[in-house]
N, C-alpha and C. Protein backbone atom coordinates (compact mmCIF):
# COMPACT_ATOMS: atom_id res chain seq x y z
N MET A 1 368.08 84.19 72.64
CA MET A 1 366.87 83.92 72.58
C MET A 1 366.60 83.24 71.29
N ASP A 2 365.84 82.04 71.10
CA ASP A 2 365.33 81.15 70.18
C ASP A 2 363.91 81.72 70.04
N GLU A 3 363.76 81.31 68.50
CA GLU A 3 362.08 81.89 67.86
C GLU A 3 360.72 81.43 68.90
N ASN A 4 361.17 80.39 69.23
CA ASN A 4 359.89 79.78 70.52
C ASN A 4 359.95 81.06 71.81
N GLU A 5 361.05 81.34 72.15
CA GLU A 5 361.03 82.09 73.33
C GLU A 5 360.71 83.35 72.94
N ILE A 6 361.10 84.07 71.84
CA ILE A 6 360.45 85.19 71.34
C ILE A 6 359.18 85.34 71.06
N SER A 7 358.60 84.13 70.62
CA SER A 7 357.22 84.23 70.29
C SER A 7 356.47 83.98 71.71
N GLU A 8 356.77 83.37 72.33
CA GLU A 8 355.96 83.27 73.83
C GLU A 8 356.00 84.83 74.65
N LYS A 9 357.13 85.23 74.50
CA LYS A 9 357.55 86.82 75.11
C LYS A 9 356.25 87.59 74.11
N ILE A 10 356.12 87.68 73.27
CA ILE A 10 355.53 88.48 72.40
C ILE A 10 353.99 88.06 72.83
N GLN A 11 353.57 86.82 72.54
CA GLN A 11 352.31 86.71 73.45
C GLN A 11 351.93 87.20 74.90
N GLU A 12 353.04 87.00 75.74
CA GLU A 12 353.03 87.56 76.84
C GLU A 12 352.68 88.97 76.79
N LEU A 13 353.74 89.67 76.23
CA LEU A 13 353.49 91.53 75.83
C LEU A 13 352.10 91.49 75.38
N THR A 14 351.64 91.01 74.78
CA THR A 14 350.37 91.37 73.79
C THR A 14 348.95 91.40 74.90
N ILE A 15 349.07 90.29 75.76
CA ILE A 15 348.31 90.06 76.70
C ILE A 15 348.23 91.30 77.83
N GLN A 16 349.47 91.72 78.11
CA GLN A 16 349.72 92.66 78.94
C GLN A 16 349.14 93.83 78.25
N HIS A 17 349.44 94.14 76.95
CA HIS A 17 348.89 95.39 76.32
C HIS A 17 347.38 95.22 76.34
N ARG A 18 346.65 94.22 76.15
CA ARG A 18 345.42 94.12 76.12
C ARG A 18 345.07 94.33 77.20
N ASP A 19 345.41 94.25 78.45
CA ASP A 19 344.90 94.43 79.74
C ASP A 19 344.72 95.78 80.38
N LEU A 20 346.06 96.13 79.71
CA LEU A 20 346.27 97.65 79.93
C LEU A 20 345.04 98.53 79.15
N ASP A 21 344.70 98.09 77.76
CA ASP A 21 344.04 98.72 77.31
C ASP A 21 342.48 98.63 78.00
N VAL A 22 342.20 97.26 78.26
CA VAL A 22 340.68 97.23 79.57
C VAL A 22 340.91 98.49 80.53
N ALA A 23 342.19 98.41 81.12
CA ALA A 23 341.93 99.08 82.41
C ALA A 23 341.90 100.71 82.01
N ILE A 24 342.34 100.83 81.15
CA ILE A 24 342.43 102.51 80.69
C ILE A 24 340.92 102.72 80.29
N GLN A 25 340.29 101.87 79.49
CA GLN A 25 338.94 101.75 79.34
C GLN A 25 337.78 101.83 80.38
N ALA A 26 338.23 100.85 81.29
CA ALA A 26 337.50 101.01 82.86
C ALA A 26 337.63 102.57 83.47
N LEU A 27 338.60 102.78 83.31
CA LEU A 27 338.87 104.07 84.37
C LEU A 27 338.30 105.32 83.47
N ILE A 28 338.31 105.26 82.44
CA ILE A 28 337.28 106.42 81.45
C ILE A 28 335.89 106.18 81.74
N GLU A 29 335.68 105.06 81.85
CA GLU A 29 334.31 104.38 82.10
C GLU A 29 333.71 104.73 83.20
N SER A 30 334.50 104.87 84.13
CA SER A 30 334.23 104.91 85.73
C SER A 30 333.62 106.22 86.03
N GLY A 31 334.11 107.38 84.96
CA GLY A 31 333.71 108.52 85.88
C GLY A 31 334.57 109.17 86.47
N LYS A 32 335.63 108.70 87.11
CA LYS A 32 336.12 108.98 88.06
C LYS A 32 337.79 109.01 87.39
N THR A 33 338.07 109.60 86.49
CA THR A 33 339.07 109.52 85.56
C THR A 33 339.85 110.44 85.84
N ASN A 34 341.57 109.77 86.58
CA ASN A 34 342.60 110.54 86.84
C ASN A 34 343.33 110.61 85.65
N MET A 35 343.40 111.53 84.91
CA MET A 35 344.07 111.93 83.67
C MET A 35 345.68 111.82 83.74
N LEU A 36 346.08 112.09 85.06
CA LEU A 36 347.92 111.70 85.24
C LEU A 36 347.81 109.91 85.26
N GLN A 37 346.92 109.43 85.72
CA GLN A 37 347.12 107.65 85.78
C GLN A 37 346.87 107.23 84.61
N VAL A 38 345.64 107.82 83.59
CA VAL A 38 345.27 107.37 82.10
C VAL A 38 346.58 107.50 81.54
N GLN A 39 347.17 108.73 81.61
CA GLN A 39 348.58 109.20 80.59
C GLN A 39 349.49 108.22 81.03
N ARG A 40 349.84 107.44 82.27
CA ARG A 40 351.08 106.72 82.65
C ARG A 40 350.32 105.42 81.97
N LEU A 41 349.20 104.83 82.45
CA LEU A 41 348.55 103.61 81.35
C LEU A 41 349.01 103.52 80.39
N LYS A 42 348.57 104.77 79.20
CA LYS A 42 348.87 104.68 77.93
C LYS A 42 350.39 104.82 77.70
N LYS A 43 351.13 105.36 78.51
CA LYS A 43 352.95 105.41 78.35
C LYS A 43 353.31 103.87 78.20
N GLN A 44 352.73 103.07 79.27
CA GLN A 44 353.05 102.00 79.33
C GLN A 44 352.45 100.86 78.10
N LYS A 45 351.53 101.30 77.87
CA LYS A 45 350.71 100.39 76.97
C LYS A 45 351.54 100.73 75.46
N LEU A 46 352.17 101.81 75.30
CA LEU A 46 353.17 102.23 74.15
C LEU A 46 354.58 101.60 74.17
N ASN A 47 354.80 101.65 75.16
CA ASN A 47 356.17 100.82 75.62
C ASN A 47 356.17 99.31 75.23
N LEU A 48 354.66 98.61 75.52
CA LEU A 48 354.70 97.33 75.26
C LEU A 48 354.89 96.95 73.98
N ARG A 49 354.04 98.12 73.11
CA ARG A 49 353.93 97.93 71.80
C ARG A 49 355.15 97.99 71.20
N ASP A 50 356.00 98.84 71.77
CA ASP A 50 357.49 98.94 70.98
C ASP A 50 358.32 97.79 71.09
N ARG A 51 357.97 97.05 72.47
CA ARG A 51 358.66 95.80 72.64
C ARG A 51 358.55 94.72 71.99
N ILE A 52 356.94 94.80 71.67
CA ILE A 52 356.27 93.89 70.55
C ILE A 52 357.10 93.73 69.23
N ALA A 53 357.21 94.82 69.04
CA ALA A 53 357.48 95.43 67.37
C ALA A 53 358.84 95.13 67.43
N ARG A 54 359.80 95.36 68.32
CA ARG A 54 361.15 94.75 68.07
C ARG A 54 361.31 93.48 67.98
N LEU A 55 360.62 93.00 69.11
CA LEU A 55 360.47 90.99 69.35
C LEU A 55 360.16 90.46 67.87
N GLU A 56 358.94 91.22 67.37
CA GLU A 56 358.58 90.53 65.97
C GLU A 56 359.75 90.99 65.04
N ASN A 57 360.37 92.11 64.82
CA ASN A 57 361.51 92.39 63.93
C ASN A 57 362.58 91.37 64.23
N GLU A 58 363.12 90.87 65.49
CA GLU A 58 363.85 89.69 65.64
C GLU A 58 363.45 88.40 64.93
N LEU A 59 362.23 88.02 64.70
CA LEU A 59 361.84 86.86 64.24
C LEU A 59 361.89 86.87 62.56
N LEU A 60 361.83 88.06 62.02
CA LEU A 60 361.89 88.15 60.52
C LEU A 60 363.23 88.58 60.03
N PRO A 61 363.90 87.82 59.10
CA PRO A 61 365.17 87.68 58.83
C PRO A 61 365.03 89.41 57.75
N ASP A 62 366.28 89.80 58.09
CA ASP A 62 366.53 91.30 57.22
C ASP A 62 366.59 90.87 55.98
N ILE A 63 365.65 91.42 54.93
CA ILE A 63 365.73 91.52 53.66
C ILE A 63 366.27 92.28 52.76
N ILE A 64 367.23 92.23 52.02
CA ILE A 64 368.32 92.76 51.63
C ILE A 64 367.74 93.16 50.07
N ALA A 65 367.42 94.62 49.83
CA ALA A 65 366.70 94.53 48.48
C ALA A 65 367.56 94.86 47.24
């Protein structure tokens, strides 16, 4: 992947992450909270955060101290 593709993927994953955050909040506010479903969404959100972090690391060159 080149830098443009990585940046686009990061943007896509960031939008998905934000959408999951909104979905989780909506579930909690609905009053019909299914904690199992909320936990699954939170796990997906964390997975997206990890993928974003890995891609961001690919964009940054390794700095040898």
